Protein backbone atom coordinates (compact mmCIF):
# COMPACT_ATOMS: atom_id res chain seq x y z
CA UNK A 1 -18.56 -8.86 54.31
CA UNK A 2 -18.45 -5.19 53.31
CA UNK A 3 -14.83 -4.96 54.44
CA UNK A 4 -14.04 -8.06 52.37
CA UNK A 5 -15.55 -6.62 49.19
CA UNK A 6 -13.92 -3.27 49.92
CA UNK A 7 -10.50 -4.96 50.03
CA UNK A 8 -11.18 -6.78 46.77
CA UNK A 9 -12.21 -3.54 45.04
CA UNK A 10 -9.14 -1.77 46.37
CA UNK A 11 -6.94 -4.60 45.15
CA UNK A 12 -8.52 -4.57 41.68
CA UNK A 13 -8.16 -0.80 41.45
CA UNK A 14 -4.51 -1.06 42.41
CA UNK A 15 -3.94 -3.75 39.77
CA UNK A 16 -5.70 -1.64 37.17
CA UNK A 17 -3.53 1.34 38.04
CA UNK A 18 -0.34 -0.72 37.75
CA UNK A 19 -1.44 -2.10 34.37
CA UNK A 20 -2.29 1.41 33.17
CA UNK A 21 1.10 2.77 34.25
CA UNK A 22 2.91 -0.12 32.60
CA UNK A 23 0.91 0.33 29.40
CA UNK A 24 1.94 3.97 29.27
CA UNK A 25 5.60 2.88 29.19
CA UNK A 26 5.19 0.13 26.58
CA UNK A 27 6.17 0.83 23.02
CA UNK A 28 4.33 -0.54 20.02
CA UNK A 29 5.69 -3.37 17.88
CA UNK A 30 4.78 -3.77 14.22
CA UNK A 31 6.05 -7.29 13.67
CA UNK A 32 5.66 -7.59 9.92
CA UNK A 33 5.89 -4.71 7.48
CA UNK A 34 7.12 -4.90 3.89
CA UNK A 35 9.14 -2.80 1.47
CA UNK A 36 8.88 -3.51 -2.25
CA UNK A 37 12.38 -3.61 -3.70
CA UNK A 38 13.16 -2.97 -7.35
CA UNK A 39 16.82 -3.80 -6.75
CA UNK A 40 16.10 -7.22 -5.22
CA UNK A 41 12.94 -7.75 -7.27
CA UNK A 42 10.94 -8.85 -4.25
CA UNK A 43 9.27 -7.64 -1.07
CA UNK A 44 11.45 -7.47 2.02
CA UNK A 45 9.96 -7.88 5.48
CA UNK A 46 10.95 -5.76 8.46
CA UNK A 47 9.90 -5.27 12.08
CA UNK A 48 9.45 -1.91 13.81
CA UNK A 49 9.60 -0.83 17.44
CA UNK A 50 7.89 2.51 18.13
CA UNK A 51 8.41 4.24 21.51
CA UNK A 52 5.46 4.57 23.89
CA UNK A 53 4.67 8.18 23.07
CA UNK A 54 4.83 7.79 19.28
CA UNK A 55 1.06 7.77 18.77
CA UNK A 56 0.34 10.57 21.22
CA UNK A 57 2.98 13.03 20.06
CA UNK A 58 3.84 14.84 16.85
CA UNK A 59 7.60 14.75 17.35
CA UNK A 60 10.16 13.06 15.14
CA UNK A 61 12.54 10.44 16.55
CA UNK A 62 16.11 9.22 16.12
CA UNK A 63 16.45 5.76 14.63
CA UNK A 64 18.53 2.64 15.20
CA UNK A 65 18.75 -0.03 12.53
CA UNK A 66 19.11 -3.37 14.33
CA UNK A 67 20.41 -6.28 12.24
CA UNK A 68 19.87 -9.98 12.92
CA UNK A 69 22.29 -12.88 12.62
CA UNK A 70 22.84 -15.69 10.11
CA UNK A 71 19.87 -18.06 9.62
CA UNK A 72 17.58 -15.69 11.55
CA UNK A 73 15.11 -13.10 10.25
CA UNK A 74 13.61 -9.71 11.08
CA UNK A 75 11.75 -11.10 14.11
CA UNK A 76 14.87 -12.49 15.82
CA UNK A 77 15.64 -9.47 17.96
CA UNK A 78 11.98 -9.34 18.97
CA UNK A 79 11.37 -13.04 19.60
CA UNK A 80 14.69 -14.09 21.13
CA UNK A 81 16.27 -10.76 22.06
CA UNK A 82 13.13 -9.24 23.60
CA UNK A 83 14.43 -5.89 22.41
CA UNK A 84 11.05 -4.21 22.89
CA UNK A 85 11.08 -5.06 26.60
CA UNK A 86 14.63 -3.80 27.08
CA UNK A 87 13.93 -0.64 25.08
CA UNK A 88 10.73 0.05 27.05
CA UNK A 89 12.57 -0.16 30.36
CA UNK A 90 15.59 1.85 29.19
CA UNK A 91 13.41 4.64 27.80
CA UNK A 92 11.19 4.69 30.89
CA UNK A 93 14.13 5.06 33.28
CA UNK A 94 15.98 7.57 31.08
CA UNK A 95 18.86 5.27 30.13
CA UNK A 96 18.20 5.84 26.43
CA UNK A 97 16.19 8.53 24.63
CA UNK A 98 12.93 7.57 22.91
CA UNK A 99 13.91 6.04 19.59
CA UNK A 100 12.51 4.04 16.70
CA UNK A 101 14.16 0.68 16.10
CA UNK A 102 13.99 -0.82 12.61
CA UNK A 103 14.80 -4.52 12.14
CA UNK A 104 15.05 -5.60 8.47
CA UNK A 105 15.10 -9.14 7.15
CA UNK A 106 18.57 -9.75 5.73
CA UNK A 107 18.18 -13.47 4.97
CA UNK A 108 21.77 -14.83 4.75
CA UNK A 109 23.10 -11.92 2.71
CA UNK A 110 25.58 -10.62 5.29
CA UNK A 111 24.02 -7.30 4.21
CA UNK A 112 26.41 -6.90 1.25
CA UNK A 113 26.40 -7.21 -2.54
CA UNK A 114 27.56 -10.62 -3.76
CA UNK A 115 30.58 -11.04 -6.02
CA UNK A 116 28.42 -12.03 -9.04
CA UNK A 117 25.83 -9.27 -8.69
CA UNK A 118 22.98 -11.71 -8.07
CA UNK A 119 22.49 -10.45 -4.50
CA UNK A 120 22.56 -6.68 -4.03
CA UNK A 121 21.37 -6.33 -0.46
CA UNK A 122 23.76 -3.47 0.34
CA UNK A 123 22.41 -1.41 -2.56
CA UNK A 124 18.86 -2.20 -1.45
CA UNK A 125 19.50 -1.18 2.16
CA UNK A 126 21.20 2.12 1.37
CA UNK A 127 19.26 3.20 -1.72
CA UNK A 128 15.76 1.80 -1.08
CA UNK A 129 15.20 0.56 2.44
CA UNK A 130 16.46 3.45 4.55
CA UNK A 131 14.81 6.16 2.43
CA UNK A 132 11.53 4.22 2.41
CA UNK A 133 11.18 3.62 6.16
CA UNK A 134 12.40 7.12 7.02
CA UNK A 135 9.54 8.52 4.96
CA UNK A 136 7.02 6.06 6.41
CA UNK A 137 7.71 6.84 10.09
CA UNK A 138 8.49 10.11 11.86
CA UNK A 139 12.25 9.64 11.76
CA UNK A 140 14.91 12.32 11.95
CA UNK A 141 16.68 11.61 8.66
CA UNK A 142 20.08 13.00 9.56
CA UNK A 143 23.39 11.32 10.35
CA UNK A 144 23.48 12.73 13.89
CA UNK A 145 20.18 11.01 14.73
CA UNK A 146 20.90 7.65 13.05
CA UNK A 147 22.62 4.61 14.54
CA UNK A 148 23.15 0.98 13.59
CA UNK A 149 23.71 -2.20 15.59
CA UNK A 150 23.54 -5.94 15.15
CA UNK A 151 24.76 -9.35 16.22
CA UNK A 152 27.05 -11.84 14.45
CA UNK A 153 26.21 -11.52 10.74
CA UNK A 154 24.36 -8.37 11.75
CA UNK A 155 27.45 -7.15 13.60
CA UNK A 156 29.37 -7.62 10.38
CA UNK A 157 26.71 -5.67 8.48
CA UNK A 158 26.87 -2.96 11.12
CA UNK A 159 30.61 -2.57 10.58
CA UNK A 160 30.35 -2.65 6.78
CA UNK A 161 27.71 0.08 6.66
CA UNK A 162 29.40 2.30 9.25
CA UNK A 163 32.82 1.92 7.62
CA UNK A 164 31.59 2.37 4.05
CA UNK A 165 29.00 5.08 4.72
CA UNK A 166 30.28 7.19 7.63
CA UNK A 167 28.21 10.10 6.33
CA UNK A 168 25.04 8.19 7.24
CA UNK A 169 25.60 6.99 10.82
CA UNK A 170 26.54 8.71 14.06
CA UNK A 171 27.30 5.50 15.93
CA UNK A 172 27.65 1.77 15.40
CA UNK A 173 27.40 -1.05 17.93
CA UNK A 174 28.48 -4.42 16.49
CA UNK A 175 27.98 -7.31 18.90
CA UNK A 176 29.85 -10.60 18.37
CA UNK A 177 30.56 -9.35 14.86
CA UNK A 178 31.55 -11.84 12.18
CA UNK A 179 35.07 -10.52 11.67
CA UNK A 180 37.72 -12.82 10.22
CA UNK A 181 41.34 -12.12 9.37
CA UNK A 182 42.86 -13.61 6.21
CA UNK A 183 44.27 -16.65 8.04
CA UNK A 184 40.88 -17.54 9.50
CA UNK A 185 39.26 -17.14 6.11
CA UNK A 186 41.75 -19.32 4.22
CA UNK A 187 41.65 -22.06 6.86
CA UNK A 188 37.85 -22.12 7.19
CA UNK A 189 36.48 -25.65 6.59
CA UNK A 190 35.13 -26.04 3.05
CA UNK A 191 31.63 -26.88 4.25
CA UNK A 192 31.45 -23.71 6.37
CA UNK A 193 32.77 -21.63 3.51
CA UNK A 194 30.31 -22.97 0.95
CA UNK A 195 27.27 -22.81 3.23
CA UNK A 196 27.96 -19.45 4.89
CA UNK A 197 30.12 -17.36 2.55
CA UNK A 198 30.36 -19.16 -0.78
CA UNK A 199 27.30 -17.54 -2.31
CA UNK A 200 28.68 -14.10 -1.50
CA UNK A 201 32.36 -14.49 -2.40
CA UNK A 202 32.48 -17.54 -4.70
CA UNK A 203 31.69 -21.21 -4.12
CA UNK A 204 34.26 -23.99 -4.03
CA UNK A 205 37.13 -21.56 -3.44
CA UNK A 206 39.88 -22.98 -1.27
CA UNK A 207 42.73 -21.49 0.73
CA UNK A 208 44.13 -18.26 -0.66
CA UNK A 209 41.73 -18.38 -3.60
CA UNK A 210 39.22 -16.87 -1.15
CA UNK A 211 41.21 -13.66 -0.78
CA UNK A 212 39.46 -12.01 -3.70
CA UNK A 213 38.88 -8.37 -4.52
CA UNK A 214 35.28 -8.75 -3.30
CA UNK A 215 36.53 -10.12 0.02
CA UNK A 216 38.95 -7.25 0.59
CA UNK A 217 36.28 -4.68 -0.31
CA UNK A 218 34.09 -6.23 2.38
CA UNK A 219 36.64 -7.12 5.07
CA UNK A 220 36.24 -4.80 8.11
CA UNK A 221 39.91 -5.32 8.98
CA UNK A 222 41.05 -4.42 5.46
CA UNK A 223 38.78 -1.37 5.33
CA UNK A 224 40.16 -0.11 8.65
CA UNK A 225 43.69 -0.73 7.36
CA UNK A 226 43.15 1.28 4.18
CA UNK A 227 41.03 4.16 5.50
CA UNK A 228 42.52 7.23 7.12
CA UNK A 229 42.14 7.79 10.85
CA UNK A 230 40.18 10.99 10.19
CA UNK A 231 37.69 9.08 8.06
CA UNK A 232 37.33 6.34 10.68
CA UNK A 233 36.71 8.88 13.44
CA UNK A 234 33.51 10.06 11.76
CA UNK A 235 31.56 7.24 13.45
CA UNK A 236 31.54 6.28 17.13
CA UNK A 237 32.09 2.54 17.67
CA UNK A 238 30.96 0.20 20.45
CA UNK A 239 32.46 -3.28 19.94
CA UNK A 240 31.27 -6.09 22.22
CA UNK A 241 32.19 -9.79 22.02
CA UNK A 242 32.17 -12.60 24.58
CA UNK A 243 35.37 -14.19 25.86
CA UNK A 244 34.10 -17.65 24.87
CA UNK A 245 32.89 -16.60 21.42
CA UNK A 246 34.49 -18.22 18.34
CA UNK A 247 34.66 -14.70 16.86
CA UNK A 248 36.67 -13.21 19.73
CA UNK A 249 39.95 -13.15 17.79
CA UNK A 250 38.56 -11.14 14.90
CA UNK A 251 36.97 -8.61 17.24
CA UNK A 252 40.22 -8.26 19.20
CA UNK A 253 42.11 -7.66 15.94
CA UNK A 254 39.58 -4.99 15.04
CA UNK A 255 40.15 -3.33 18.40
CA UNK A 256 43.91 -3.44 17.87
CA UNK A 257 43.62 -2.03 14.34
CA UNK A 258 41.52 0.91 15.54
CA UNK A 259 43.83 1.47 18.51
CA UNK A 260 46.91 1.58 16.30
CA UNK A 261 45.25 4.27 14.21
CA UNK A 262 44.25 6.12 17.38
CA UNK A 263 40.57 5.94 16.56
CA UNK A 264 38.50 6.38 19.74
CA UNK A 265 36.14 3.46 20.35
CA UNK A 266 34.69 1.35 23.15
CA UNK A 267 35.73 -2.29 23.34
CA UNK A 268 34.06 -4.79 25.66
CA UNK A 269 34.87 -8.44 26.28
CA UNK A 270 32.33 -9.85 28.70
CA UNK A 271 31.88 -13.34 30.10
CA UNK A 272 29.89 -15.38 27.62
CA UNK A 273 29.67 -16.98 24.21
CA UNK A 274 27.80 -16.68 20.93
CA UNK A 275 24.33 -16.77 22.44
CA UNK A 276 21.11 -14.83 22.99
CA UNK A 277 21.90 -14.73 26.70
CA UNK A 278 24.97 -12.68 25.84
CA UNK A 279 23.18 -10.37 23.39
CA UNK A 280 20.16 -9.79 25.61
CA UNK A 281 22.43 -8.71 28.46
CA UNK A 282 24.32 -6.35 26.17
CA UNK A 283 21.66 -4.68 24.05
CA UNK A 284 20.79 -1.96 26.59
CA UNK A 285 24.41 -0.82 26.83
CA UNK A 286 24.69 -0.85 23.04
CA UNK A 287 21.54 1.26 22.66
CA UNK A 288 22.72 3.60 25.40
CA UNK A 289 26.01 4.15 23.57
CA UNK A 290 24.14 4.96 20.37
CA UNK A 291 21.58 7.07 22.25
CA UNK A 292 24.35 9.15 23.79
CA UNK A 293 25.42 10.05 20.25
CA UNK A 294 22.05 11.70 19.71
CA UNK A 295 22.68 14.17 22.56
CA UNK A 296 24.33 17.56 22.43
CA UNK A 297 27.15 18.17 24.90
C-alpha cells in the first residue's frame, strides 16, 4: 500500500512540475482592451499577447501588429489562429525573440481611409492607435523593433502601411493578401464590389469607373510601380499565399513587380487555400522573419 501511495505522489509531483514548466513558457493574453478614438469617434477594441517574462522583467520589447481578415475582429488570430500558442512555443525554443503582439479590431475597413472621408481607419491607426498602445505597454517604439503582419484584408493592410510608412516598420509579412490588379478589380462581380469594397471606394461603380484616384492611392501594385526601388527597400517583405487561394494571382504579380525593381523579398507559395489551416501553419515562419529583423548582424 505504501508503495502504491508513493507512486501516486511521485506521479502527481511530476505532473505539477510539468504544469509549472509549461506555465513559465506561456505568455499572457489580454483579450479585450480599448482605445478611445477622436478620429473615429468611438472606442476601438484590440487584443494583446504579452510574452511569458513580461510581468517578471523590466525590459522593453519589440512589437508586431497582427491584422485580421474581412468579417473577422481582433480576436480572430487568437480564437482561430491560436497565435498565442504558436508564439509561446516559438519563443520558448528560440525561433523568435520575445515580442508583444497587438491585434486591433479593423472591422471591414481594409485599414484605410475611405474615399468620402467617413471612415478614417488609416489615420486612426497611425496617429492614435500605435502611439497609444506603445505608451501603454513596454514597447520599443522604434522602426527597427516594429513589424506588421496580417491575413487577407489584414495582409492588404500590412502592405498598405509598410509601403506608405516605411519609416515606421522594419518588416512586413502579408499572408494571402488581398491584392488585385486593375483587370481583377474591373471584372469583380457587382455584389462582391458593393459588399466588400464599395463603402471604401464608391458604391455602384462598374468596370473602369472603379479605377479611381482613391483606388490607385491604395493599390499595392500601383504603389510599388510608382515608388523608387530605394524607397521600397526600406522594409523587409515576407509574402506568403497558397497555390489554391483566389488571391494567388495578385500576390504573384506583387512578387514580379518587386523582382523587376530588384527589391529583395521572400516569396512563398505553399500548398493550401484561403483558410485558417494555411495561416496557422504559416504564422511561425512569418513571425520568425519579422523577429530576425529585430536582430543585429
